[in-house]
Amino acid sequence: MFGYKLSIYQYVNHLIIFIILSVNMVLATNPVGGDASVTVLEDQDHSFAENEFPFSDSDGHSFAGIQIITIESAGDLEYNGADVANNTIAADVTQLVFSPESDANGNPYSTFVFKLIDSNGEYSTANYTFTVDVTAVNDVPTITAVSDPPAI
């Protein structure tokens, strides 16, 4: 019971009922991903796809791109036709293209480090590594004519 004063001479008692509601609050969470890799053939460009970047977000936000933390260790990585730099934001990863150097190959050939971005503008707290393996391809043999062969 709780009493309060209505006037100097009157008190009224009231029963106060507290109702506690269960509230499911979802706090914003950062996206989570993982390291990733792709294998490409020597001398061929690779355009990335969204599904090549592992992504989950417990509060339901969708994939909204990556931030390049550390540029490629070999080859050429471009976003929308321009070389990437550290901290480049690639909102549309389909505009991200990797090109190995001519006749170069290796497993791994190149890596770059990235963070994920979700549709709420939140970045992954962890950095992830993307590895590009380049498979060697036999080059077409060439014949060079000798204009003045040596005498045998």
Protein backbone atom coordinates (compact mmCIF):
# COMPACT_ATOMS: atom_id res chain seq x y z
CA MET A 1 0.00 0.00 0.00
CA PHE A 2 1.13 3.47 -0.76
CA GLY A 3 -0.35 6.66 0.64
CA TYR A 4 -0.11 10.15 -0.68
CA LYS A 5 -1.50 13.43 0.52
CA LEU A 6 -4.33 14.95 -1.50
CA SER A 7 -4.73 17.87 0.76
CA ILE A 8 -3.53 18.87 4.16
CA TYR A 9 -6.31 16.86 5.85
CA GLN A 10 -6.90 13.85 3.60
CA TYR A 11 -4.84 10.76 2.82
CA VAL A 12 -5.76 8.17 0.30
CA ASN A 13 -4.28 4.71 0.19
CA HIS A 14 -3.70 3.09 -3.16
CA LEU A 15 -2.45 -0.29 -4.09
CA ILE A 16 0.31 -0.01 -6.66
CA ILE A 17 0.98 -3.01 -8.85
CA PHE A 18 4.28 -3.24 -10.61
CA ILE A 19 4.24 -5.10 -13.88
CA ILE A 20 7.54 -6.19 -15.30
CA LEU A 21 7.43 -6.92 -18.98
CA SER A 22 9.91 -9.17 -20.63
CA VAL A 23 11.52 -7.20 -23.40
CA ASN A 24 13.66 -8.87 -26.01
CA MET A 25 16.17 -6.26 -26.99
CA VAL A 26 18.61 -7.08 -29.71
CA LEU A 27 21.71 -5.00 -29.41
CA ALA A 28 23.58 -4.15 -32.58
CA THR A 29 26.29 -6.69 -33.26
CA ASN A 30 29.22 -6.62 -35.59
CA PRO A 31 29.29 -8.95 -38.58
CA VAL A 32 31.39 -12.10 -38.34
CA GLY A 33 33.19 -13.85 -41.16
CA GLY A 34 36.27 -15.88 -41.77
CA ASP A 35 39.34 -16.29 -43.91
CA ALA A 36 38.65 -17.15 -47.53
CA SER A 37 40.45 -18.31 -50.64
CA VAL A 38 40.01 -18.67 -54.37
CA THR A 39 42.00 -20.50 -57.03
CA VAL A 40 42.47 -18.85 -60.42
CA LEU A 41 44.36 -19.84 -63.53
CA GLU A 42 47.63 -18.18 -64.47
CA ASP A 43 47.18 -15.08 -66.66
CA GLN A 44 43.45 -14.81 -65.91
CA ASP A 45 41.65 -12.05 -63.98
CA HIS A 46 39.26 -12.90 -61.17
CA SER A 47 36.16 -10.83 -60.41
CA PHE A 48 34.98 -11.41 -56.85
CA ALA A 49 31.47 -12.38 -55.80
CA GLU A 50 29.67 -11.64 -52.54
CA ASN A 51 29.44 -15.35 -51.64
CA GLU A 52 33.25 -15.64 -51.63
CA PHE A 53 33.36 -13.65 -48.37
CA PRO A 54 32.06 -15.68 -45.39
CA PHE A 55 29.46 -13.52 -43.62
CA SER A 56 26.99 -13.79 -40.76
CA ASP A 57 25.28 -11.16 -38.66
CA SER A 58 23.27 -12.15 -35.59
CA ASP A 59 21.06 -9.06 -35.73
CA GLY A 60 19.97 -9.79 -39.30
CA HIS A 61 21.83 -7.14 -41.26
CA SER A 62 22.97 -8.06 -44.75
CA PHE A 63 26.38 -8.01 -46.39
CA ALA A 64 27.35 -4.50 -47.53
CA GLY A 65 30.94 -4.91 -48.66
CA ILE A 66 34.46 -5.04 -47.29
CA GLN A 67 37.20 -2.71 -46.20
CA ILE A 68 40.66 -3.59 -47.52
CA ILE A 69 42.94 -3.35 -44.47
CA THR A 70 46.18 -4.47 -46.15
CA ILE A 71 46.65 -4.49 -49.93
CA GLU A 72 47.61 -7.55 -51.98
CA SER A 73 51.02 -9.10 -51.44
CA ALA A 74 51.49 -9.88 -55.17
CA GLY A 75 49.61 -9.23 -58.39
CA ASP A 76 47.16 -6.37 -58.84
CA LEU A 77 43.92 -5.78 -56.93
CA GLU A 78 41.62 -3.09 -58.31
CA TYR A 79 38.25 -1.71 -57.25
CA ASN A 80 36.12 -0.10 -59.92
CA GLY A 81 39.15 0.09 -62.22
CA ALA A 82 41.53 1.76 -59.74
CA ASP A 83 44.30 0.24 -57.61
CA VAL A 84 43.17 -0.40 -54.06
CA ALA A 85 44.95 1.21 -51.15
CA ASN A 86 44.91 0.33 -47.48
CA ASN A 87 41.45 1.13 -46.03
CA THR A 88 39.70 1.14 -49.44
CA ILE A 89 35.96 0.49 -49.02
CA ALA A 90 34.57 -1.95 -51.59
CA ALA A 91 30.79 -1.67 -51.17
CA ASP A 92 30.17 -3.68 -54.36
CA VAL A 93 32.65 -6.55 -54.26
CA THR A 94 31.72 -7.52 -57.84
CA GLN A 95 33.76 -4.46 -58.87
CA LEU A 96 36.81 -5.94 -57.12
CA VAL A 97 39.17 -7.62 -59.63
CA PHE A 98 42.43 -9.49 -59.00
CA SER A 99 45.03 -9.97 -61.75
CA PRO A 100 48.14 -12.10 -61.26
CA GLU A 101 51.33 -10.93 -62.93
CA SER A 102 51.98 -12.44 -66.36
CA ASP A 103 53.12 -16.09 -66.16
CA ALA A 104 53.18 -15.97 -62.35
CA ASN A 105 51.72 -18.70 -60.17
CA GLY A 106 51.87 -20.08 -56.65
CA ASN A 107 49.93 -21.62 -53.79
CA PRO A 108 49.49 -19.24 -52.08
CA TYR A 109 50.28 -16.59 -54.64
CA SER A 110 48.85 -13.50 -52.94
CA THR A 111 46.90 -12.42 -49.88
CA PHE A 112 45.05 -9.33 -48.71
CA VAL A 113 43.47 -8.51 -45.34
CA PHE A 114 39.90 -7.26 -45.03
CA LYS A 115 37.05 -6.44 -42.64
CA LEU A 116 33.37 -7.09 -43.35
CA ILE A 117 30.74 -4.34 -43.43
CA ASP A 118 27.04 -4.93 -42.78
CA SER A 119 24.01 -2.97 -44.01
CA ASN A 120 23.90 -1.08 -40.71
CA GLY A 121 27.42 0.29 -41.33
CA GLU A 122 29.00 -1.92 -38.69
CA TYR A 123 32.45 -3.41 -39.32
CA SER A 124 33.71 -6.80 -38.18
CA THR A 125 35.94 -6.51 -35.15
CA ALA A 126 38.27 -9.17 -36.56
CA ASN A 127 40.44 -8.91 -39.63
CA TYR A 128 40.27 -11.75 -42.15
CA THR A 129 42.73 -12.92 -44.80
CA PHE A 130 41.77 -13.63 -48.40
CA THR A 131 44.24 -15.94 -50.17
CA VAL A 132 44.53 -16.13 -53.95
CA ASP A 133 46.12 -19.29 -55.33
CA VAL A 134 47.23 -19.16 -58.96
CA THR A 135 47.47 -22.44 -60.88
CA ALA A 136 50.18 -22.71 -63.52
CA VAL A 137 49.06 -23.15 -67.12
CA ASN A 138 51.22 -24.56 -69.88
CA ASP A 139 52.04 -21.78 -72.28
CA VAL A 140 51.71 -22.40 -75.99
CA PRO A 141 55.18 -23.23 -77.35
CA THR A 142 56.70 -20.77 -79.76
CA ILE A 143 59.24 -21.32 -82.49
CA THR A 144 61.72 -18.67 -83.40
CA ALA A 145 63.34 -18.90 -86.77
CA VAL A 146 67.09 -18.64 -86.84
CA SER A 147 68.24 -16.50 -89.75
CA ASP A 148 71.87 -17.59 -89.78
CA PRO A 149 72.23 -21.07 -88.27
CA PRO A 150 75.67 -22.00 -86.95
CA ALA A 151 77.76 -24.43 -88.96
CA ILE A 152 78.05 -27.88 -87.53
